């Protein structure tokens, strides 16, 4: 197995789960994950090792996802596969639609939040990173990452409340 195949095997699930949580779509996550590893393969010689390779891959994935959204000019679409999954879930269809609508509202609001709050929130929620890992990315303490995350969360909650008024 080549070095890149090992990277692919080790980090595929991390990248896929990150994009799936970001997009809410399995199809989009598969497409963006494939594109991410293709781009990483082409750019691997330029990877200097200044950060964790998982962070580098997720950064490529995030940029690919944002490009995907811009190209498609639609950030929310209930796909046929997701509609089929509605009937297979324990929750009723109405509850699933409400959950998906709420997730879409949060994603939309997230894009309005300033850095570093947005990025810290995304690393924590979509990439399941610890506060220590996030602090390391920003060359800050894990306490800074925790406080920044909770401030971002508060901003999102406030914007959600403003929308419902």
N, C-alpha and C. Protein backbone atom coordinates (compact mmCIF):
# COMPACT_ATOMS: atom_id res chain seq x y z
N UNK A 1 0.85 -1.17 0.00
CA UNK A 1 0.00 0.00 0.00
C UNK A 1 0.90 1.24 0.00
N UNK A 2 0.56 2.21 -0.85
CA UNK A 2 1.35 3.44 -0.93
C UNK A 2 1.03 4.33 0.27
N UNK A 3 1.87 5.34 0.46
CA UNK A 3 1.67 6.28 1.56
C UNK A 3 0.32 6.99 1.42
N UNK A 4 -0.04 7.38 0.20
CA UNK A 4 -1.30 8.08 0.01
C UNK A 4 -2.49 7.15 0.27
N UNK A 5 -2.37 5.89 -0.09
CA UNK A 5 -3.45 4.93 0.19
C UNK A 5 -3.65 4.78 1.70
N UNK A 6 -2.55 4.83 2.44
CA UNK A 6 -2.66 4.78 3.90
C UNK A 6 -3.38 6.02 4.44
N UNK A 7 -3.05 7.17 3.89
CA UNK A 7 -3.71 8.42 4.29
C UNK A 7 -5.20 8.32 3.97
N UNK A 8 -5.50 7.84 2.78
CA UNK A 8 -6.90 7.70 2.36
C UNK A 8 -7.65 6.77 3.32
N UNK A 9 -7.08 5.62 3.62
CA UNK A 9 -7.73 4.66 4.51
C UNK A 9 -7.93 5.23 5.91
N UNK A 10 -6.93 5.92 6.39
CA UNK A 10 -6.98 6.42 7.76
C UNK A 10 -7.94 7.60 7.94
N UNK A 11 -8.04 8.48 6.93
CA UNK A 11 -8.78 9.73 7.11
C UNK A 11 -10.06 9.84 6.30
N UNK A 12 -10.38 8.84 5.50
CA UNK A 12 -11.59 8.92 4.68
C UNK A 12 -12.83 9.18 5.54
N UNK A 13 -13.01 8.40 6.60
CA UNK A 13 -14.21 8.55 7.44
C UNK A 13 -14.27 9.93 8.09
N UNK A 14 -13.13 10.46 8.53
CA UNK A 14 -13.11 11.79 9.14
C UNK A 14 -13.60 12.85 8.16
N UNK A 15 -13.08 12.81 6.94
CA UNK A 15 -13.46 13.80 5.93
C UNK A 15 -14.92 13.62 5.54
N UNK A 16 -15.33 12.38 5.31
CA UNK A 16 -16.71 12.11 4.93
C UNK A 16 -17.68 12.61 6.01
N UNK A 17 -17.42 12.26 7.27
CA UNK A 17 -18.30 12.67 8.36
C UNK A 17 -18.34 14.18 8.53
N UNK A 18 -17.21 14.82 8.34
CA UNK A 18 -17.15 16.28 8.42
C UNK A 18 -18.07 16.92 7.38
N UNK A 19 -17.95 16.48 6.14
CA UNK A 19 -18.77 17.04 5.07
C UNK A 19 -20.23 16.62 5.20
N UNK A 20 -20.47 15.41 5.66
CA UNK A 20 -21.86 14.97 5.84
C UNK A 20 -22.54 15.86 6.88
N UNK A 21 -21.86 16.15 7.96
CA UNK A 21 -22.45 17.01 8.99
C UNK A 21 -22.60 18.44 8.50
N UNK A 22 -21.70 18.87 7.67
CA UNK A 22 -21.77 20.22 7.12
C UNK A 22 -22.90 20.36 6.11
N UNK A 23 -23.05 19.35 5.26
CA UNK A 23 -24.02 19.43 4.17
C UNK A 23 -25.36 18.81 4.51
N UNK A 24 -25.35 17.78 5.34
CA UNK A 24 -26.59 17.06 5.64
C UNK A 24 -26.99 16.10 4.54
N UNK A 25 -26.12 15.87 3.58
CA UNK A 25 -26.44 15.03 2.44
C UNK A 25 -25.36 13.97 2.24
N UNK A 26 -25.78 12.71 2.18
CA UNK A 26 -24.82 11.62 1.94
C UNK A 26 -24.20 11.73 0.55
N UNK A 27 -25.02 12.03 -0.43
CA UNK A 27 -24.51 12.14 -1.80
C UNK A 27 -23.47 13.25 -1.92
N UNK A 28 -23.77 14.39 -1.32
CA UNK A 28 -22.83 15.51 -1.35
C UNK A 28 -21.55 15.14 -0.60
N UNK A 29 -21.69 14.49 0.54
CA UNK A 29 -20.51 14.09 1.32
C UNK A 29 -19.63 13.14 0.52
N UNK A 30 -20.24 12.19 -0.18
CA UNK A 30 -19.45 11.26 -1.00
C UNK A 30 -18.73 11.99 -2.13
N UNK A 31 -19.45 12.88 -2.79
CA UNK A 31 -18.86 13.62 -3.91
C UNK A 31 -17.72 14.52 -3.45
N UNK A 32 -17.95 15.26 -2.38
CA UNK A 32 -16.93 16.19 -1.89
C UNK A 32 -15.74 15.43 -1.31
N UNK A 33 -15.98 14.32 -0.64
CA UNK A 33 -14.88 13.53 -0.09
C UNK A 33 -14.00 12.99 -1.21
N UNK A 34 -14.61 12.49 -2.26
CA UNK A 34 -13.83 12.01 -3.41
C UNK A 34 -13.00 13.14 -4.02
N UNK A 35 -13.64 14.28 -4.19
CA UNK A 35 -12.95 15.44 -4.76
C UNK A 35 -11.80 15.88 -3.85
N UNK A 36 -12.03 15.82 -2.54
CA UNK A 36 -11.00 16.22 -1.57
C UNK A 36 -9.75 15.36 -1.71
N UNK A 37 -9.93 14.05 -1.79
CA UNK A 37 -8.76 13.18 -1.89
C UNK A 37 -8.08 13.28 -3.25
N UNK A 38 -8.86 13.58 -4.28
CA UNK A 38 -8.26 13.81 -5.59
C UNK A 38 -7.38 15.06 -5.54
N UNK A 39 -7.91 16.14 -4.94
CA UNK A 39 -7.13 17.38 -4.82
C UNK A 39 -5.92 17.17 -3.92
N UNK A 40 -6.10 16.40 -2.85
CA UNK A 40 -4.98 16.15 -1.93
C UNK A 40 -3.88 15.35 -2.61
N UNK A 41 -4.27 14.39 -3.44
CA UNK A 41 -3.29 13.59 -4.17
C UNK A 41 -2.44 14.48 -5.06
N UNK A 42 -3.10 15.43 -5.74
CA UNK A 42 -2.37 16.34 -6.63
C UNK A 42 -1.48 17.30 -5.85
N UNK A 43 -1.85 17.61 -4.59
CA UNK A 43 -1.13 18.63 -3.83
C UNK A 43 -0.28 18.06 -2.70
N UNK A 44 -0.22 16.75 -2.56
CA UNK A 44 0.46 16.14 -1.42
C UNK A 44 1.93 16.55 -1.33
N UNK A 45 2.58 16.76 -2.45
CA UNK A 45 3.98 17.17 -2.41
C UNK A 45 4.16 18.56 -1.79
N UNK A 46 3.11 19.36 -1.85
CA UNK A 46 3.17 20.70 -1.27
C UNK A 46 2.80 20.74 0.21
N UNK A 47 2.35 19.61 0.76
CA UNK A 47 1.99 19.56 2.18
C UNK A 47 3.27 19.60 3.00
N UNK A 48 3.42 20.65 3.80
CA UNK A 48 4.66 20.85 4.54
C UNK A 48 4.63 20.23 5.94
N UNK A 49 3.47 19.77 6.37
CA UNK A 49 3.38 19.16 7.69
C UNK A 49 3.28 20.17 8.82
N UNK A 50 2.90 21.42 8.49
CA UNK A 50 2.76 22.45 9.52
C UNK A 50 1.55 22.22 10.41
N UNK A 51 0.65 21.38 9.98
CA UNK A 51 -0.55 21.07 10.76
C UNK A 51 -0.84 19.58 10.62
N UNK A 52 -1.78 19.12 11.40
CA UNK A 52 -2.22 17.73 11.32
C UNK A 52 -2.79 17.48 9.92
N UNK A 53 -2.50 16.34 9.35
CA UNK A 53 -2.96 16.06 7.98
C UNK A 53 -4.48 16.01 7.92
N UNK A 54 -5.13 15.61 9.01
CA UNK A 54 -6.60 15.60 9.06
C UNK A 54 -7.13 17.02 8.91
N UNK A 55 -6.50 17.96 9.56
CA UNK A 55 -6.91 19.37 9.45
C UNK A 55 -6.74 19.84 8.01
N UNK A 56 -5.61 19.50 7.41
CA UNK A 56 -5.34 19.88 6.01
C UNK A 56 -6.41 19.31 5.09
N UNK A 57 -6.73 18.04 5.26
CA UNK A 57 -7.75 17.40 4.42
C UNK A 57 -9.13 18.03 4.64
N UNK A 58 -9.48 18.30 5.88
CA UNK A 58 -10.78 18.92 6.16
C UNK A 58 -10.85 20.35 5.62
N UNK A 59 -9.73 21.03 5.58
CA UNK A 59 -9.70 22.38 5.00
C UNK A 59 -9.95 22.30 3.49
N UNK A 60 -9.34 21.33 2.83
CA UNK A 60 -9.59 21.11 1.40
C UNK A 60 -11.06 20.77 1.20
N UNK A 61 -11.58 19.91 2.06
CA UNK A 61 -12.99 19.49 1.95
C UNK A 61 -13.93 20.67 2.14
N UNK A 62 -13.65 21.50 3.13
CA UNK A 62 -14.50 22.67 3.40
C UNK A 62 -14.50 23.60 2.20
N UNK A 63 -13.33 23.87 1.65
CA UNK A 63 -13.25 24.76 0.47
C UNK A 63 -13.98 24.13 -0.72
N UNK A 64 -13.85 22.83 -0.89
CA UNK A 64 -14.55 22.14 -1.99
C UNK A 64 -16.06 22.22 -1.79
N UNK A 65 -16.49 22.09 -0.56
CA UNK A 65 -17.92 22.17 -0.27
C UNK A 65 -18.47 23.57 -0.59
N UNK A 66 -17.74 24.59 -0.16
CA UNK A 66 -18.19 25.96 -0.45
C UNK A 66 -18.22 26.22 -1.96
N UNK A 67 -17.26 25.70 -2.67
CA UNK A 67 -17.27 25.83 -4.14
C UNK A 67 -18.47 25.10 -4.73
N UNK A 68 -18.76 23.94 -4.19
CA UNK A 68 -19.92 23.16 -4.64
C UNK A 68 -21.21 23.96 -4.45
N UNK A 69 -21.35 24.59 -3.30
CA UNK A 69 -22.56 25.39 -3.02
C UNK A 69 -22.67 26.55 -4.01
N UNK A 70 -21.56 27.22 -4.25
CA UNK A 70 -21.59 28.35 -5.19
C UNK A 70 -21.97 27.89 -6.59
N UNK A 71 -21.42 26.76 -7.02
CA UNK A 71 -21.72 26.25 -8.36
C UNK A 71 -23.18 25.84 -8.48
N UNK A 72 -23.68 25.19 -7.48
CA UNK A 72 -25.04 24.67 -7.58
C UNK A 72 -26.10 25.72 -7.28
N UNK A 73 -25.68 26.82 -6.63
CA UNK A 73 -26.59 27.93 -6.29
C UNK A 73 -27.81 27.47 -5.50
N UNK A 74 -27.56 26.44 -4.73
CA UNK A 74 -28.60 26.01 -3.82
C UNK A 74 -27.93 25.36 -2.63
N UNK A 75 -28.25 25.84 -1.44
CA UNK A 75 -27.60 25.29 -0.26
C UNK A 75 -28.49 24.28 0.47
N UNK A 76 -29.77 24.23 0.08
CA UNK A 76 -30.65 23.27 0.73
C UNK A 76 -31.48 22.55 -0.32
N UNK A 77 -31.37 21.24 -0.32
CA UNK A 77 -32.17 20.44 -1.24
C UNK A 77 -32.43 19.09 -0.59
N UNK A 78 -33.69 18.72 -0.50
CA UNK A 78 -34.00 17.40 0.04
C UNK A 78 -33.90 16.43 -1.11
N UNK A 79 -32.93 15.54 -1.01
CA UNK A 79 -32.69 14.60 -2.09
C UNK A 79 -33.58 13.37 -1.94
N UNK A 80 -33.76 12.67 -3.03
CA UNK A 80 -34.62 11.50 -3.03
C UNK A 80 -34.17 10.48 -1.99
N UNK A 81 -32.88 10.27 -1.87
CA UNK A 81 -32.40 9.29 -0.89
C UNK A 81 -32.74 9.72 0.53
N UNK A 82 -32.67 11.02 0.80
CA UNK A 82 -33.04 11.51 2.12
C UNK A 82 -34.53 11.35 2.35
N UNK A 83 -35.33 11.58 1.32
CA UNK A 83 -36.78 11.41 1.46
C UNK A 83 -37.12 9.95 1.76
N UNK A 84 -36.40 9.03 1.14
CA UNK A 84 -36.62 7.62 1.42
C UNK A 84 -36.25 7.28 2.85
N UNK A 85 -35.21 7.93 3.35
CA UNK A 85 -34.78 7.68 4.73
C UNK A 85 -35.80 8.20 5.74
N UNK A 86 -36.58 9.22 5.37
CA UNK A 86 -37.59 9.74 6.28
C UNK A 86 -38.52 8.63 6.73
N UNK A 87 -38.95 7.81 5.79
CA UNK A 87 -39.93 6.77 6.13
C UNK A 87 -39.29 5.62 6.89
N UNK A 88 -37.97 5.50 6.84
CA UNK A 88 -37.29 4.42 7.53
C UNK A 88 -36.92 4.81 8.96
N UNK A 89 -37.05 6.04 9.33
CA UNK A 89 -36.68 6.52 10.65
C UNK A 89 -37.84 6.32 11.62
N UNK A 90 -37.51 6.31 12.92
CA UNK A 90 -38.53 6.19 13.95
C UNK A 90 -39.39 7.45 14.01
N UNK A 91 -38.77 8.60 13.78
CA UNK A 91 -39.50 9.87 13.82
C UNK A 91 -40.46 9.93 12.64
N UNK A 92 -41.54 10.67 12.84
CA UNK A 92 -42.47 10.89 11.75
C UNK A 92 -41.88 11.82 10.72
N UNK A 93 -42.48 11.85 9.55
CA UNK A 93 -41.98 12.70 8.47
C UNK A 93 -41.98 14.17 8.88
N UNK A 94 -43.01 14.58 9.61
CA UNK A 94 -43.09 15.99 10.02
C UNK A 94 -41.90 16.36 10.90
N UNK A 95 -41.55 15.48 11.84
CA UNK A 95 -40.44 15.75 12.73
C UNK A 95 -39.12 15.80 11.96
N UNK A 96 -38.94 14.92 10.98
CA UNK A 96 -37.72 14.91 10.17
C UNK A 96 -37.60 16.21 9.37
N UNK A 97 -38.69 16.66 8.79
CA UNK A 97 -38.68 17.90 8.02
C UNK A 97 -38.31 19.07 8.92
N UNK A 98 -38.87 19.10 10.12
CA UNK A 98 -38.56 20.17 11.07
C UNK A 98 -37.09 20.13 11.45
N UNK A 99 -36.56 18.92 11.72
CA UNK A 99 -35.13 18.79 12.07
C UNK A 99 -34.25 19.26 10.92
N UNK A 100 -34.59 18.87 9.69
CA UNK A 100 -33.79 19.28 8.53
C UNK A 100 -33.87 20.79 8.32
N UNK A 101 -35.05 21.36 8.52
CA UNK A 101 -35.23 22.80 8.38
C UNK A 101 -34.38 23.53 9.42
N UNK A 102 -34.39 23.03 10.64
CA UNK A 102 -33.61 23.64 11.71
C UNK A 102 -32.11 23.56 11.41
N UNK A 103 -31.66 22.41 10.93
CA UNK A 103 -30.24 22.25 10.58
C UNK A 103 -29.86 23.20 9.46
N UNK A 104 -30.73 23.38 8.49
CA UNK A 104 -30.45 24.30 7.38
C UNK A 104 -30.38 25.73 7.88
N UNK A 105 -31.26 26.11 8.80
CA UNK A 105 -31.22 27.45 9.37
C UNK A 105 -29.91 27.69 10.10
N UNK A 106 -29.45 26.69 10.84
CA UNK A 106 -28.18 26.82 11.57
C UNK A 106 -27.02 26.96 10.59
N UNK A 107 -27.01 26.16 9.52
CA UNK A 107 -25.94 26.26 8.52
C UNK A 107 -25.93 27.65 7.88
N UNK A 108 -27.12 28.17 7.59
CA UNK A 108 -27.23 29.49 6.97
C UNK A 108 -26.70 30.57 7.92
N UNK A 109 -27.08 30.49 9.17
CA UNK A 109 -26.63 31.46 10.17
C UNK A 109 -25.13 31.34 10.39
N UNK A 110 -24.63 30.13 10.38
CA UNK A 110 -23.21 29.89 10.61
C UNK A 110 -22.35 30.66 9.61
N UNK A 111 -22.82 30.77 8.38
CA UNK A 111 -22.06 31.48 7.36
C UNK A 111 -22.02 32.99 7.59
N UNK A 112 -22.89 33.49 8.47
CA UNK A 112 -22.92 34.92 8.77
C UNK A 112 -22.02 35.30 9.94
N UNK A 113 -21.56 34.30 10.68
CA UNK A 113 -20.76 34.55 11.87
C UNK A 113 -19.30 34.82 11.47
N UNK A 114 -18.69 35.75 12.17
CA UNK A 114 -17.29 36.12 11.90
C UNK A 114 -16.33 35.02 12.35
N UNK A 115 -15.14 35.08 11.77
CA UNK A 115 -14.04 34.22 12.21
C UNK A 115 -13.49 34.81 13.51
N UNK A 116 -12.93 34.05 14.38
CA UNK A 116 -12.70 32.61 14.33
C UNK A 116 -13.88 31.79 14.84
N UNK A 117 -14.97 32.47 15.23
CA UNK A 117 -16.10 31.77 15.82
C UNK A 117 -16.66 30.70 14.88
N UNK A 118 -16.84 31.08 13.63
CA UNK A 118 -17.39 30.14 12.65
C UNK A 118 -16.50 28.91 12.53
N UNK A 119 -15.22 29.14 12.35
CA UNK A 119 -14.28 28.03 12.13
C UNK A 119 -14.19 27.13 13.36
N UNK A 120 -14.11 27.72 14.54
CA UNK A 120 -14.04 26.92 15.77
C UNK A 120 -15.31 26.08 15.92
N UNK A 121 -16.46 26.69 15.67
CA UNK A 121 -17.73 25.96 15.76
C UNK A 121 -17.73 24.79 14.77
N UNK A 122 -17.30 25.03 13.56
CA UNK A 122 -17.30 23.98 12.53
C UNK A 122 -16.34 22.85 12.89
N UNK A 123 -15.14 23.17 13.38
CA UNK A 123 -14.20 22.12 13.76
C UNK A 123 -14.79 21.28 14.88
N UNK A 124 -15.44 21.93 15.83
CA UNK A 124 -15.98 21.21 16.99
C UNK A 124 -17.18 20.35 16.61
N UNK A 125 -18.13 20.93 15.89
CA UNK A 125 -19.38 20.24 15.60
C UNK A 125 -19.25 19.30 14.40
N UNK A 126 -18.66 19.76 13.32
CA UNK A 126 -18.65 18.96 12.10
C UNK A 126 -17.46 18.01 12.01
N UNK A 127 -16.37 18.32 12.69
CA UNK A 127 -15.20 17.45 12.62
C UNK A 127 -14.95 16.71 13.93
N UNK A 128 -15.80 16.93 14.93
CA UNK A 128 -15.67 16.25 16.23
C UNK A 128 -14.30 16.42 16.85
N UNK A 129 -13.71 17.59 16.68
CA UNK A 129 -12.38 17.82 17.25
C UNK A 129 -12.50 18.26 18.70
N UNK A 130 -11.51 17.89 19.49
CA UNK A 130 -11.47 18.31 20.89
C UNK A 130 -11.05 19.78 20.95
N UNK A 131 -11.30 20.40 22.10
CA UNK A 131 -10.89 21.78 22.27
C UNK A 131 -9.37 21.90 22.21
N UNK A 132 -8.67 20.89 22.67
CA UNK A 132 -7.20 20.89 22.59
C UNK A 132 -6.75 20.91 21.13
N UNK A 133 -7.36 20.06 20.29
CA UNK A 133 -6.99 20.02 18.87
C UNK A 133 -7.29 21.35 18.20
N UNK A 134 -8.43 21.93 18.52
CA UNK A 134 -8.81 23.21 17.93
C UNK A 134 -7.84 24.30 18.38
N UNK A 135 -7.52 24.31 19.68
CA UNK A 135 -6.55 25.27 20.19
C UNK A 135 -5.21 25.15 19.49
N UNK A 136 -4.79 23.91 19.23
CA UNK A 136 -3.53 23.68 18.53
C UNK A 136 -3.55 24.26 17.12
N UNK A 137 -4.68 24.13 16.43
CA UNK A 137 -4.80 24.67 15.07
C UNK A 137 -4.57 26.18 15.08
N UNK A 138 -5.16 26.85 16.06
CA UNK A 138 -5.07 28.31 16.13
C UNK A 138 -3.87 28.79 16.95
N UNK A 139 -3.08 27.83 17.45
CA UNK A 139 -1.93 28.15 18.31
C UNK A 139 -2.39 28.93 19.54
N UNK A 140 -3.50 28.44 20.11
CA UNK A 140 -4.09 29.02 21.32
C UNK A 140 -4.33 27.88 22.32
N UNK A 141 -4.84 28.23 23.47
CA UNK A 141 -5.10 27.22 24.50
C UNK A 141 -6.43 26.50 24.23
N UNK A 142 -6.60 25.35 24.88
CA UNK A 142 -7.86 24.65 24.76
C UNK A 142 -8.98 25.44 25.44
N UNK A 143 -8.64 26.22 26.46
CA UNK A 143 -9.63 27.09 27.10
C UNK A 143 -10.13 28.15 26.12
N UNK A 144 -9.21 28.74 25.34
CA UNK A 144 -9.60 29.72 24.33
C UNK A 144 -10.57 29.08 23.33
N UNK A 145 -10.27 27.86 22.90
CA UNK A 145 -11.14 27.17 21.95
C UNK A 145 -12.52 26.93 22.55
N UNK A 146 -12.56 26.53 23.80
CA UNK A 146 -13.83 26.27 24.48
C UNK A 146 -14.67 27.55 24.59
N UNK A 147 -14.05 28.63 25.04
CA UNK A 147 -14.76 29.91 25.17
C UNK A 147 -15.24 30.39 23.80
N UNK A 148 -14.40 30.30 22.79
CA UNK A 148 -14.76 30.74 21.45
C UNK A 148 -15.92 29.92 20.91
N UNK A 149 -15.89 28.61 21.14
CA UNK A 149 -16.98 27.74 20.70
C UNK A 149 -18.30 28.15 21.36
N UNK A 150 -18.27 28.35 22.67
CA UNK A 150 -19.51 28.70 23.38
C UNK A 150 -20.03 30.08 22.98
N UNK A 151 -19.14 30.98 22.65
CA UNK A 151 -19.57 32.30 22.14
C UNK A 151 -20.24 32.14 20.77
N UNK A 152 -19.66 31.29 19.94
CA UNK A 152 -20.25 31.04 18.61
C UNK A 152 -21.63 30.42 18.77
N UNK A 153 -21.73 29.47 19.65
CA UNK A 153 -23.01 28.80 19.91
C UNK A 153 -24.05 29.81 20.37
N UNK A 154 -23.63 30.72 21.26
CA UNK A 154 -24.54 31.76 21.76
C UNK A 154 -25.00 32.67 20.61
N UNK A 155 -24.06 33.03 19.72
CA UNK A 155 -24.41 33.87 18.56
C UNK A 155 -25.46 33.18 17.69
N UNK A 156 -25.27 31.89 17.46
CA UNK A 156 -26.20 31.14 16.62
C UNK A 156 -27.58 31.10 17.28
N UNK A 157 -27.62 30.83 18.56
CA UNK A 157 -28.90 30.78 19.28
C UNK A 157 -29.61 32.13 19.22
N UNK A 158 -28.85 33.21 19.41
CA UNK A 158 -29.45 34.55 19.35
C UNK A 158 -30.02 34.84 17.96
N UNK A 159 -29.29 34.46 16.92
CA UNK A 159 -29.78 34.70 15.55
C UNK A 159 -31.00 33.83 15.25
N UNK A 160 -31.03 32.61 15.77
CA UNK A 160 -32.20 31.76 15.59
C UNK A 160 -33.42 32.37 16.27
N UNK A 161 -33.21 32.91 17.46
CA UNK A 161 -34.30 33.55 18.19
C UNK A 161 -34.80 34.79 17.46
N UNK A 162 -33.87 35.56 16.87
CA UNK A 162 -34.26 36.75 16.10
C UNK A 162 -35.12 36.36 14.90
N UNK A 163 -34.78 35.25 14.27
CA UNK A 163 -35.55 34.80 13.10
C UNK A 163 -36.97 34.40 13.46
N UNK A 164 -37.16 33.89 14.68
CA UNK A 164 -38.49 33.41 15.06
C UNK A 164 -39.37 34.50 15.62
N UNK A 165 -38.83 35.71 15.80
CA UNK A 165 -39.65 36.81 16.30
C UNK A 165 -40.56 37.36 15.25
